[in-house]
Amino acid sequence: MTLAIVGSVVVIAVLVGAYAVFAPRRKAEHVRDPQRSTLSAQTGWTSAAGDEFAGLSESARCDMIFAVAALDDDASRGLLEHALADPAEPVAIAAAHALATHGRTVVVERFLAANPGERADRIAATLALLQ
């Protein structure tokens, strides 16, 4: 009886293996052609993001700052510079930190110098703590 069970398992395994080897395959639906042009990215979304930026909640704007900072391109830097003037101080601090982290401290310092006051002092102090 045990030999019959083991034999059945071996036969089933051989049949499954044979099916895996000889089963008809579906042809690839998309084959990359090296002659075709590569996909190009569009950065126009940042202008729309800047227009809608003020309509987001404070926490959503902070989330967007951290997400955009990871892109580290010219368009995202523009949005980060725009966010320095955000009315919510945490958003401005997040933008300043993101810019400073990516080596754009001159932009942050220029913005703080152009907008002196207690808010600028708090942002500078927070950046000093974060670095």
N, C-alpha and C. Protein backbone atom coordinates (compact mmCIF):
# COMPACT_ATOMS: atom_id res chain seq x y z
N MET A 1 0.82 -1.19 0.00
CA MET A 1 0.00 0.00 0.00
C MET A 1 0.87 1.26 0.00
N THR A 2 1.90 1.28 0.85
CA THR A 2 2.80 2.42 0.91
C THR A 2 3.55 2.59 -0.41
N LEU A 3 3.91 1.46 -1.00
CA LEU A 3 4.60 1.51 -2.28
C LEU A 3 3.70 2.09 -3.37
N ALA A 4 2.43 1.84 -3.31
CA ALA A 4 1.48 2.37 -4.29
C ALA A 4 1.35 3.88 -4.14
N ILE A 5 1.35 4.37 -2.90
CA ILE A 5 1.24 5.81 -2.65
C ILE A 5 2.50 6.52 -3.15
N VAL A 6 3.67 5.97 -2.82
CA VAL A 6 4.93 6.57 -3.26
C VAL A 6 5.01 6.55 -4.78
N GLY A 7 4.58 5.44 -5.38
CA GLY A 7 4.58 5.35 -6.84
C GLY A 7 3.66 6.38 -7.47
N SER A 8 2.49 6.59 -6.87
CA SER A 8 1.55 7.58 -7.38
C SER A 8 2.12 8.99 -7.29
N VAL A 9 2.78 9.29 -6.19
CA VAL A 9 3.39 10.61 -6.02
C VAL A 9 4.49 10.83 -7.05
N VAL A 10 5.29 9.81 -7.30
CA VAL A 10 6.37 9.93 -8.29
C VAL A 10 5.77 10.13 -9.69
N VAL A 11 4.73 9.40 -10.02
CA VAL A 11 4.10 9.54 -11.34
C VAL A 11 3.52 10.94 -11.50
N ILE A 12 2.85 11.43 -10.46
CA ILE A 12 2.27 12.78 -10.52
C ILE A 12 3.37 13.82 -10.68
N ALA A 13 4.46 13.65 -9.95
CA ALA A 13 5.58 14.60 -10.05
C ALA A 13 6.17 14.59 -11.45
N VAL A 14 6.31 13.43 -12.05
CA VAL A 14 6.85 13.33 -13.41
C VAL A 14 5.89 14.00 -14.39
N LEU A 15 4.58 13.79 -14.23
CA LEU A 15 3.62 14.41 -15.12
C LEU A 15 3.62 15.93 -15.00
N VAL A 16 3.69 16.45 -13.78
CA VAL A 16 3.74 17.90 -13.58
C VAL A 16 5.03 18.47 -14.19
N GLY A 17 6.14 17.80 -14.00
CA GLY A 17 7.41 18.25 -14.59
C GLY A 17 7.36 18.25 -16.10
N ALA A 18 6.75 17.20 -16.67
CA ALA A 18 6.65 17.12 -18.13
C ALA A 18 5.75 18.24 -18.65
N TYR A 19 4.66 18.51 -17.95
CA TYR A 19 3.79 19.61 -18.37
C TYR A 19 4.52 20.94 -18.31
N ALA A 20 5.32 21.15 -17.26
CA ALA A 20 6.06 22.41 -17.13
C ALA A 20 7.05 22.58 -18.27
N VAL A 21 7.64 21.51 -18.72
CA VAL A 21 8.63 21.60 -19.79
C VAL A 21 7.97 21.74 -21.16
N PHE A 22 6.90 20.98 -21.40
CA PHE A 22 6.32 20.93 -22.74
C PHE A 22 5.05 21.76 -22.92
N ALA A 23 4.61 22.47 -21.93
CA ALA A 23 3.38 23.26 -22.04
C ALA A 23 3.58 24.39 -23.04
N PRO A 24 2.51 24.73 -23.78
CA PRO A 24 2.64 25.84 -24.73
C PRO A 24 2.86 27.16 -23.98
N ARG A 25 3.70 27.99 -24.53
CA ARG A 25 4.03 29.27 -23.91
C ARG A 25 3.34 30.39 -24.66
N ARG A 26 2.95 31.39 -23.91
CA ARG A 26 2.36 32.58 -24.52
C ARG A 26 3.50 33.46 -25.01
N LYS A 27 3.34 34.02 -26.18
CA LYS A 27 4.37 34.90 -26.72
C LYS A 27 4.38 36.21 -25.94
N ALA A 28 5.55 36.80 -25.85
CA ALA A 28 5.69 38.07 -25.16
C ALA A 28 4.88 39.13 -25.88
N GLU A 29 4.10 39.88 -25.11
CA GLU A 29 3.27 40.91 -25.71
C GLU A 29 4.07 42.16 -26.05
N HIS A 30 5.12 42.40 -25.29
CA HIS A 30 5.92 43.60 -25.52
C HIS A 30 7.39 43.23 -25.45
N VAL A 31 8.07 43.47 -26.53
CA VAL A 31 9.51 43.25 -26.57
C VAL A 31 10.16 44.60 -26.78
N ARG A 32 11.10 44.96 -25.93
CA ARG A 32 11.74 46.26 -26.04
C ARG A 32 12.62 46.30 -27.28
N ASP A 33 12.36 47.28 -28.10
CA ASP A 33 13.11 47.46 -29.33
C ASP A 33 14.18 48.52 -29.08
N PRO A 34 15.45 48.15 -29.22
CA PRO A 34 16.51 49.15 -28.97
C PRO A 34 16.48 50.31 -29.94
N GLN A 35 15.80 50.14 -31.08
CA GLN A 35 15.71 51.21 -32.06
C GLN A 35 14.71 52.28 -31.64
N ARG A 36 13.77 51.94 -30.75
CA ARG A 36 12.74 52.88 -30.32
C ARG A 36 13.35 53.91 -29.38
N SER A 37 12.75 55.06 -29.35
CA SER A 37 13.23 56.09 -28.45
C SER A 37 12.86 55.74 -27.01
N THR A 38 13.64 56.20 -26.08
CA THR A 38 13.39 55.90 -24.68
C THR A 38 12.28 56.79 -24.14
N LEU A 39 11.71 56.38 -23.04
CA LEU A 39 10.64 57.12 -22.40
C LEU A 39 11.20 58.41 -21.84
N SER A 40 10.53 59.51 -22.10
CA SER A 40 10.99 60.79 -21.57
C SER A 40 10.06 61.25 -20.47
N ALA A 41 10.63 61.80 -19.43
CA ALA A 41 9.85 62.27 -18.29
C ALA A 41 9.34 63.68 -18.56
N GLN A 42 8.18 63.96 -18.04
CA GLN A 42 7.61 65.29 -18.18
C GLN A 42 7.60 65.94 -16.81
N THR A 43 8.11 67.14 -16.73
CA THR A 43 8.18 67.83 -15.45
C THR A 43 7.13 68.91 -15.31
N GLY A 44 6.17 68.95 -16.20
CA GLY A 44 5.13 69.96 -16.13
C GLY A 44 4.22 69.81 -14.93
N TRP A 45 4.27 68.65 -14.29
CA TRP A 45 3.39 68.43 -13.14
C TRP A 45 3.71 69.39 -12.00
N THR A 46 4.95 69.89 -11.91
CA THR A 46 5.30 70.74 -10.78
C THR A 46 4.58 72.07 -10.82
N SER A 47 4.27 72.57 -12.01
CA SER A 47 3.53 73.82 -12.05
C SER A 47 2.12 73.62 -11.51
N ALA A 48 1.50 72.51 -11.85
CA ALA A 48 0.18 72.20 -11.30
C ALA A 48 0.28 71.93 -9.81
N ALA A 49 1.34 71.27 -9.39
CA ALA A 49 1.52 70.99 -7.96
C ALA A 49 1.70 72.28 -7.20
N GLY A 50 2.40 73.23 -7.79
CA GLY A 50 2.57 74.52 -7.12
C GLY A 50 1.25 75.27 -7.00
N ASP A 51 0.39 75.17 -8.03
CA ASP A 51 -0.91 75.84 -7.98
C ASP A 51 -1.82 75.23 -6.92
N GLU A 52 -1.76 73.92 -6.77
CA GLU A 52 -2.62 73.24 -5.82
C GLU A 52 -2.00 73.12 -4.44
N PHE A 53 -0.76 73.52 -4.30
CA PHE A 53 -0.01 73.35 -3.06
C PHE A 53 -0.71 74.04 -1.90
N ALA A 54 -1.22 75.22 -2.11
CA ALA A 54 -1.85 75.98 -1.04
C ALA A 54 -3.16 75.35 -0.59
N GLY A 55 -3.80 74.56 -1.42
CA GLY A 55 -5.07 73.94 -1.06
C GLY A 55 -4.93 72.70 -0.20
N LEU A 56 -3.72 72.20 -0.03
CA LEU A 56 -3.50 71.00 0.78
C LEU A 56 -3.44 71.36 2.25
N SER A 57 -3.70 70.38 3.10
CA SER A 57 -3.56 70.60 4.54
C SER A 57 -2.07 70.73 4.88
N GLU A 58 -1.80 71.22 6.08
CA GLU A 58 -0.40 71.43 6.49
C GLU A 58 0.38 70.12 6.47
N SER A 59 -0.21 69.06 6.99
CA SER A 59 0.50 67.77 7.01
C SER A 59 0.68 67.23 5.60
N ALA A 60 -0.29 67.43 4.73
CA ALA A 60 -0.16 66.98 3.34
C ALA A 60 0.93 67.78 2.62
N ARG A 61 1.04 69.07 2.92
CA ARG A 61 2.11 69.86 2.31
C ARG A 61 3.47 69.39 2.80
N CYS A 62 3.58 69.04 4.09
CA CYS A 62 4.85 68.50 4.59
C CYS A 62 5.19 67.17 3.91
N ASP A 63 4.19 66.30 3.77
CA ASP A 63 4.41 65.04 3.07
C ASP A 63 4.88 65.28 1.64
N MET A 64 4.27 66.25 0.99
CA MET A 64 4.66 66.56 -0.38
C MET A 64 6.09 67.09 -0.44
N ILE A 65 6.47 67.90 0.55
CA ILE A 65 7.84 68.42 0.60
C ILE A 65 8.83 67.26 0.66
N PHE A 66 8.59 66.30 1.55
CA PHE A 66 9.52 65.18 1.68
C PHE A 66 9.54 64.31 0.44
N ALA A 67 8.40 64.14 -0.20
CA ALA A 67 8.35 63.34 -1.43
C ALA A 67 9.07 64.05 -2.58
N VAL A 68 8.84 65.34 -2.72
CA VAL A 68 9.45 66.10 -3.80
C VAL A 68 10.96 66.24 -3.58
N ALA A 69 11.37 66.34 -2.32
CA ALA A 69 12.80 66.48 -2.03
C ALA A 69 13.60 65.28 -2.52
N ALA A 70 12.98 64.12 -2.55
CA ALA A 70 13.67 62.91 -3.01
C ALA A 70 13.95 62.96 -4.51
N LEU A 71 13.20 63.76 -5.26
CA LEU A 71 13.42 63.84 -6.71
C LEU A 71 14.73 64.54 -7.03
N ASP A 72 15.03 65.60 -6.30
CA ASP A 72 16.27 66.35 -6.44
C ASP A 72 16.57 66.74 -7.89
N ASP A 73 15.61 67.41 -8.52
CA ASP A 73 15.83 67.97 -9.85
C ASP A 73 15.45 69.45 -9.83
N ASP A 74 15.65 70.13 -10.94
CA ASP A 74 15.39 71.58 -10.98
C ASP A 74 13.94 71.92 -10.67
N ALA A 75 13.02 71.15 -11.22
CA ALA A 75 11.60 71.44 -11.01
C ALA A 75 11.21 71.25 -9.54
N SER A 76 11.72 70.20 -8.92
CA SER A 76 11.38 69.97 -7.52
C SER A 76 12.04 71.01 -6.62
N ARG A 77 13.22 71.47 -6.98
CA ARG A 77 13.87 72.54 -6.19
C ARG A 77 13.05 73.82 -6.25
N GLY A 78 12.45 74.10 -7.40
CA GLY A 78 11.59 75.27 -7.51
C GLY A 78 10.40 75.19 -6.58
N LEU A 79 9.81 74.01 -6.49
CA LEU A 79 8.69 73.84 -5.58
C LEU A 79 9.14 73.98 -4.12
N LEU A 80 10.31 73.47 -3.80
CA LEU A 80 10.84 73.60 -2.43
C LEU A 80 11.11 75.06 -2.10
N GLU A 81 11.64 75.81 -3.06
CA GLU A 81 11.88 77.23 -2.83
C GLU A 81 10.55 77.97 -2.64
N HIS A 82 9.53 77.58 -3.38
CA HIS A 82 8.20 78.16 -3.23
C HIS A 82 7.65 77.86 -1.83
N ALA A 83 7.94 76.67 -1.33
CA ALA A 83 7.42 76.25 -0.02
C ALA A 83 8.10 76.97 1.14
N LEU A 84 9.24 77.61 0.90
CA LEU A 84 9.89 78.39 1.98
C LEU A 84 8.98 79.51 2.46
N ALA A 85 8.15 80.02 1.59
CA ALA A 85 7.25 81.13 1.94
C ALA A 85 5.89 80.63 2.42
N ASP A 86 5.76 79.35 2.67
CA ASP A 86 4.49 78.79 3.12
C ASP A 86 4.09 79.44 4.45
N PRO A 87 2.81 79.73 4.63
CA PRO A 87 2.38 80.36 5.88
C PRO A 87 2.55 79.46 7.11
N ALA A 88 2.57 78.14 6.91
CA ALA A 88 2.78 77.22 8.03
C ALA A 88 4.28 77.04 8.25
N GLU A 89 4.73 77.36 9.42
CA GLU A 89 6.16 77.28 9.72
C GLU A 89 6.73 75.87 9.59
N PRO A 90 6.01 74.81 10.00
CA PRO A 90 6.56 73.46 9.80
C PRO A 90 6.82 73.12 8.34
N VAL A 91 5.98 73.60 7.45
CA VAL A 91 6.18 73.36 6.01
C VAL A 91 7.42 74.10 5.53
N ALA A 92 7.57 75.34 5.97
CA ALA A 92 8.75 76.12 5.59
C ALA A 92 10.02 75.48 6.14
N ILE A 93 9.96 74.96 7.36
CA ILE A 93 11.13 74.29 7.95
C ILE A 93 11.45 73.02 7.18
N ALA A 94 10.43 72.26 6.81
CA ALA A 94 10.66 71.04 6.02
C ALA A 94 11.31 71.38 4.68
N ALA A 95 10.84 72.44 4.04
CA ALA A 95 11.43 72.84 2.76
C ALA A 95 12.86 73.32 2.94
N ALA A 96 13.10 74.10 3.98
CA ALA A 96 14.46 74.60 4.24
C ALA A 96 15.40 73.44 4.54
N HIS A 97 14.93 72.48 5.32
CA HIS A 97 15.75 71.32 5.64
C HIS A 97 16.05 70.49 4.38
N ALA A 98 15.03 70.29 3.54
CA ALA A 98 15.23 69.53 2.31
C ALA A 98 16.24 70.23 1.39
N LEU A 99 16.12 71.54 1.27
CA LEU A 99 17.07 72.28 0.43
C LEU A 99 18.48 72.22 1.02
N ALA A 100 18.59 72.41 2.32
CA ALA A 100 19.91 72.39 2.96
C ALA A 100 20.54 71.01 2.86
N THR A 101 19.74 69.98 2.99
CA THR A 101 20.25 68.61 2.91
C THR A 101 20.82 68.31 1.52
N HIS A 102 20.26 68.93 0.51
CA HIS A 102 20.73 68.71 -0.86
C HIS A 102 21.72 69.79 -1.31
N GLY A 103 22.35 70.46 -0.36
CA GLY A 103 23.40 71.42 -0.69
C GLY A 103 22.93 72.77 -1.19
N ARG A 104 21.71 73.13 -0.92
CA ARG A 104 21.17 74.42 -1.39
C ARG A 104 21.00 75.40 -0.23
N THR A 105 21.97 75.41 0.69
CA THR A 105 21.89 76.30 1.86
C THR A 105 21.91 77.77 1.46
N VAL A 106 22.55 78.10 0.35
CA VAL A 106 22.61 79.49 -0.10
C VAL A 106 21.20 80.01 -0.39
N VAL A 107 20.38 79.18 -0.99
CA VAL A 107 19.00 79.57 -1.29
C VAL A 107 18.24 79.84 0.01
N VAL A 108 18.42 78.97 0.98
CA VAL A 108 17.73 79.12 2.27
C VAL A 108 18.22 80.38 2.98
N GLU A 109 19.53 80.57 3.01
CA GLU A 109 20.09 81.75 3.68
C GLU A 109 19.63 83.04 2.99
N ARG A 110 19.57 83.03 1.67
CA ARG A 110 19.10 84.19 0.93
C ARG A 110 17.64 84.49 1.27
N PHE A 111 16.82 83.44 1.35
CA PHE A 111 15.41 83.62 1.69
C PHE A 111 15.27 84.17 3.11
N LEU A 112 16.01 83.62 4.06
CA LEU A 112 15.92 84.08 5.45
C LEU A 112 16.41 85.52 5.59
N ALA A 113 17.44 85.88 4.83
CA ALA A 113 17.94 87.26 4.88
C ALA A 113 16.93 88.24 4.26
N ALA A 114 16.22 87.79 3.24
CA ALA A 114 15.23 88.65 2.60
C ALA A 114 13.95 88.78 3.41
N ASN A 115 13.75 87.88 4.36
CA ASN A 115 12.54 87.87 5.20
C ASN A 115 12.92 87.81 6.67
N PRO A 116 13.59 88.85 7.19
CA PRO A 116 14.05 88.80 8.59
C PRO A 116 12.87 88.85 9.56
N GLY A 117 13.13 88.39 10.77
CA GLY A 117 12.11 88.42 11.81
C GLY A 117 12.19 87.19 12.70
N GLU A 118 11.23 87.08 13.58
CA GLU A 118 11.21 85.95 14.51
C GLU A 118 11.06 84.62 13.79
N ARG A 119 10.24 84.61 12.77
CA ARG A 119 10.02 83.36 12.03
C ARG A 119 11.32 82.90 11.37
N ALA A 120 12.02 83.80 10.75
CA ALA A 120 13.30 83.46 10.11
C ALA A 120 14.30 82.99 11.15
N ASP A 121 14.29 83.62 12.33
CA ASP A 121 15.20 83.21 13.40
C ASP A 121 14.88 81.79 13.87
N ARG A 122 13.57 81.47 14.00
CA ARG A 122 13.17 80.12 14.44
C ARG A 122 13.54 79.08 13.38
N ILE A 123 13.34 79.42 12.11
CA ILE A 123 13.70 78.48 11.04
C ILE A 123 15.20 78.22 11.05
N ALA A 124 15.98 79.29 11.18
CA ALA A 124 17.45 79.13 11.22
C ALA A 124 17.88 78.33 12.42
N ALA A 125 17.26 78.57 13.58
CA ALA A 125 17.62 77.81 14.78
C ALA A 125 17.26 76.34 14.65
N THR A 126 16.11 76.07 14.05
CA THR A 126 15.71 74.67 13.85
C THR A 126 16.64 73.96 12.88
N LEU A 127 17.03 74.67 11.81
CA LEU A 127 17.98 74.07 10.86
C LEU A 127 19.31 73.78 11.52
N ALA A 128 19.75 74.68 12.39
CA ALA A 128 21.01 74.46 13.10
C ALA A 128 20.92 73.21 13.98
N LEU A 129 19.76 72.98 14.58
CA LEU A 129 19.58 71.79 15.40
C LEU A 129 19.55 70.53 14.57
N LEU A 130 18.97 70.61 13.39
CA LEU A 130 18.85 69.44 12.53
C LEU A 130 20.16 69.05 11.88
N GLN A 131 21.09 69.97 11.76
CA GLN A 131 22.35 69.65 11.10
C GLN A 131 23.34 69.20 12.06
